Structures are given as structure tokens and as C-alpha cells.
């Protein structure tokens, strides 16, 4: 999904950036990315740092899970039994 980043400064001198496609502001929505900064550029950079970190962690988790599935399949093929 394409990011739709919006930057505002509703609370004074600090700017905030969110992804309009993802952020809904609901307290029960779980952790949501909010970039903060003295300028729009700083807030956008903070948001992007958080986004890259989150996506990298998600990719790593998916790669580890895929590796476990691959390991299980290879064990079954080579040893003919379940993973111990």
C-alpha cells in the first residue's frame, strides 16, 4: 500500500506526521506511527525512520517463519519424520 503522509502542527510549534491510510487515532487501535519534529521535514524523517524500522522487523519475522517452514519440509524429506 502506498503511504499517504500528512504533516500538521495542531499543538503549537511541533509538527506531527501520520499515514492517512493507516492512522485512525483510536486508543484501541494499538501502536500507530506518529512522526514528531520542529519542522515538517524533521517530522517526516522521524515518521519514515519508524516506518522503515517496523517494516524491517516485519520482513525479518516473515523470513524467520519461512525458514522454519523450509527446515520442517527438509527434515521430513531427508529424515522422513516430524521435527523433534
C-alpha atoms as a PDB file:
ATOM      1  CA  UNK A   1       0.000   0.000   0.000  1.00  0.00           C
ATOM      2  CA  UNK A   2       1.236   3.465  -0.818  1.00  0.00           C
ATOM      3  CA  UNK A   3       1.981   5.810   2.081  1.00  0.00           C
ATOM      4  CA  UNK A   4      -0.113   8.962   2.313  1.00  0.00           C
ATOM      5  CA  UNK A   5       1.846  11.083   4.782  1.00  0.00           C
ATOM      6  CA  UNK A   6       0.166  14.151   6.261  1.00  0.00           C
ATOM      7  CA  UNK A   7       2.051  16.692   8.380  1.00  0.00           C
ATOM      8  CA  UNK A   8       0.328  19.172  10.680  1.00  0.00           C
ATOM      9  CA  UNK A   9       1.124  21.280  13.726  1.00  0.00           C
ATOM     10  CA  UNK A  10      -2.149  21.413  15.675  1.00  0.00           C
ATOM     11  CA  UNK A  11      -0.444  21.657  19.058  1.00  0.00           C
ATOM     12  CA  UNK A  12       1.842  24.625  18.520  1.00  0.00           C
ATOM     13  CA  UNK A  13       5.444  24.656  17.386  1.00  0.00           C
ATOM     14  CA  UNK A  14       5.885  20.859  16.975  1.00  0.00           C
ATOM     15  CA  UNK A  15       4.855  19.116  13.774  1.00  0.00           C
ATOM     16  CA  UNK A  16       3.342  15.631  13.581  1.00  0.00           C
ATOM     17  CA  UNK A  17       3.256  13.283  10.589  1.00  0.00           C
ATOM     18  CA  UNK A  18       0.961  10.301  10.120  1.00  0.00           C
ATOM     19  CA  UNK A  19      -0.004   7.930   7.327  1.00  0.00           C
ATOM     20  CA  UNK A  20      -3.624   8.780   6.471  1.00  0.00           C
ATOM     21  CA  UNK A  21      -4.108   5.270   5.081  1.00  0.00           C
ATOM     22  CA  UNK A  22      -3.278   3.668   8.431  1.00  0.00           C
ATOM     23  CA  UNK A  23      -3.724   6.081  11.337  1.00  0.00           C
ATOM     24  CA  UNK A  24      -7.175   6.357  12.855  1.00  0.00           C
ATOM     25  CA  UNK A  25      -6.339   7.794  16.272  1.00  0.00           C
ATOM     26  CA  UNK A  26      -8.446   5.276  18.171  1.00  0.00           C
ATOM     27  CA  UNK A  27      -6.906   4.331  21.524  1.00  0.00           C
ATOM     28  CA  UNK A  28      -7.710   0.655  20.961  1.00  0.00           C
ATOM     29  CA  UNK A  29      -6.033   0.559  17.533  1.00  0.00           C
ATOM     30  CA  UNK A  30      -2.675  -0.387  19.037  1.00  0.00           C
ATOM     31  CA  UNK A  31       0.632   1.287  18.348  1.00  0.00           C
ATOM     32  CA  UNK A  32       0.480   3.679  15.434  1.00  0.00           C
ATOM     33  CA  UNK A  33       3.336   5.617  13.866  1.00  0.00           C
ATOM     34  CA  UNK A  34       3.494   9.334  14.592  1.00  0.00           C
ATOM     35  CA  UNK A  35       6.495  11.343  13.431  1.00  0.00           C
ATOM     36  CA  UNK A  36       7.446  14.371  15.539  1.00  0.00           C
ATOM     37  CA  UNK A  37       9.726  17.289  14.765  1.00  0.00           C
ATOM     38  CA  UNK A  38      10.417  21.007  14.925  1.00  0.00           C
ATOM     39  CA  UNK A  39       9.749  21.256  11.172  1.00  0.00           C
ATOM     40  CA  UNK A  40       7.685  19.276   8.674  1.00  0.00           C
ATOM     41  CA  UNK A  41      10.895  17.778   7.298  1.00  0.00           C
ATOM     42  CA  UNK A  42      12.027  16.583  10.750  1.00  0.00           C
ATOM     43  CA  UNK A  43       8.591  15.125  11.491  1.00  0.00           C
ATOM     44  CA  UNK A  44       8.527  13.362   8.112  1.00  0.00           C
ATOM     45  CA  UNK A  45      12.055  11.976   8.672  1.00  0.00           C
ATOM     46  CA  UNK A  46      11.046  10.729  12.148  1.00  0.00           C
ATOM     47  CA  UNK A  47       7.955   9.058  10.701  1.00  0.00           C
ATOM     48  CA  UNK A  48       9.975   7.386   7.933  1.00  0.00           C
ATOM     49  CA  UNK A  49      12.595   6.118  10.428  1.00  0.00           C
ATOM     50  CA  UNK A  50       9.822   4.492  12.453  1.00  0.00           C
ATOM     51  CA  UNK A  51       8.177   3.076   9.328  1.00  0.00           C
ATOM     52  CA  UNK A  52      11.428   1.575   7.982  1.00  0.00           C
ATOM     53  CA  UNK A  53      12.166   0.009  11.380  1.00  0.00           C
ATOM     54  CA  UNK A  54       8.678  -1.505  11.620  1.00  0.00           C
ATOM     55  CA  UNK A  55       8.757  -2.853   8.059  1.00  0.00           C
ATOM     56  CA  UNK A  56      12.258  -4.298   8.528  1.00  0.00           C
ATOM     57  CA  UNK A  57      11.169  -6.085  11.703  1.00  0.00           C
ATOM     58  CA  UNK A  58       8.083  -7.428   9.922  1.00  0.00           C
ATOM     59  CA  UNK A  59      10.187  -8.654   6.982  1.00  0.00           C
ATOM     60  CA  UNK A  60      12.673 -10.328   9.322  1.00  0.00           C
ATOM     61  CA  UNK A  61       9.884 -12.061  11.247  1.00  0.00           C
ATOM     62  CA  UNK A  62       8.353 -13.322   7.992  1.00  0.00           C
ATOM     63  CA  UNK A  63      11.758 -14.568   6.793  1.00  0.00           C
ATOM     64  CA  UNK A  64      12.328 -16.450  10.045  1.00  0.00           C
ATOM     65  CA  UNK A  65       8.892 -18.066   9.812  1.00  0.00           C
ATOM     66  CA  UNK A  66       9.524 -19.031   6.174  1.00  0.00           C
ATOM     67  CA  UNK A  67      12.872 -20.522   7.231  1.00  0.00           C
ATOM     68  CA  UNK A  68      11.164 -22.648   9.882  1.00  0.00           C
ATOM     69  CA  UNK A  69       8.689 -23.970   7.330  1.00  0.00           C
ATOM     70  CA  UNK A  70      11.538 -24.749   4.917  1.00  0.00           C
ATOM     71  CA  UNK A  71      13.522 -26.503   7.677  1.00  0.00           C
ATOM     72  CA  UNK A  72      10.499 -28.637   8.596  1.00  0.00           C
ATOM     73  CA  UNK A  73       9.938 -29.641   4.975  1.00  0.00           C
ATOM     74  CA  UNK A  74      13.605 -30.564   4.504  1.00  0.00           C
ATOM     75  CA  UNK A  75      13.680 -32.623   7.704  1.00  0.00           C
ATOM     76  CA  UNK A  76      10.614 -34.541   6.559  1.00  0.00           C
ATOM     77  CA  UNK A  77      12.125 -35.149   3.124  1.00  0.00           C
ATOM     78  CA  UNK A  78      15.561 -36.143   4.405  1.00  0.00           C
ATOM     79  CA  UNK A  79      14.676 -37.959   7.612  1.00  0.00           C
ATOM     80  CA  UNK A  80      11.082 -38.901   6.891  1.00  0.00           C
ATOM     81  CA  UNK A  81       9.769 -37.776  10.234  1.00  0.00           C
ATOM     82  CA  UNK A  82       8.448 -34.871  12.222  1.00  0.00           C
ATOM     83  CA  UNK A  83      10.647 -32.187  13.646  1.00  0.00           C
ATOM     84  CA  UNK A  84      11.980 -33.123  17.062  1.00  0.00           C
END
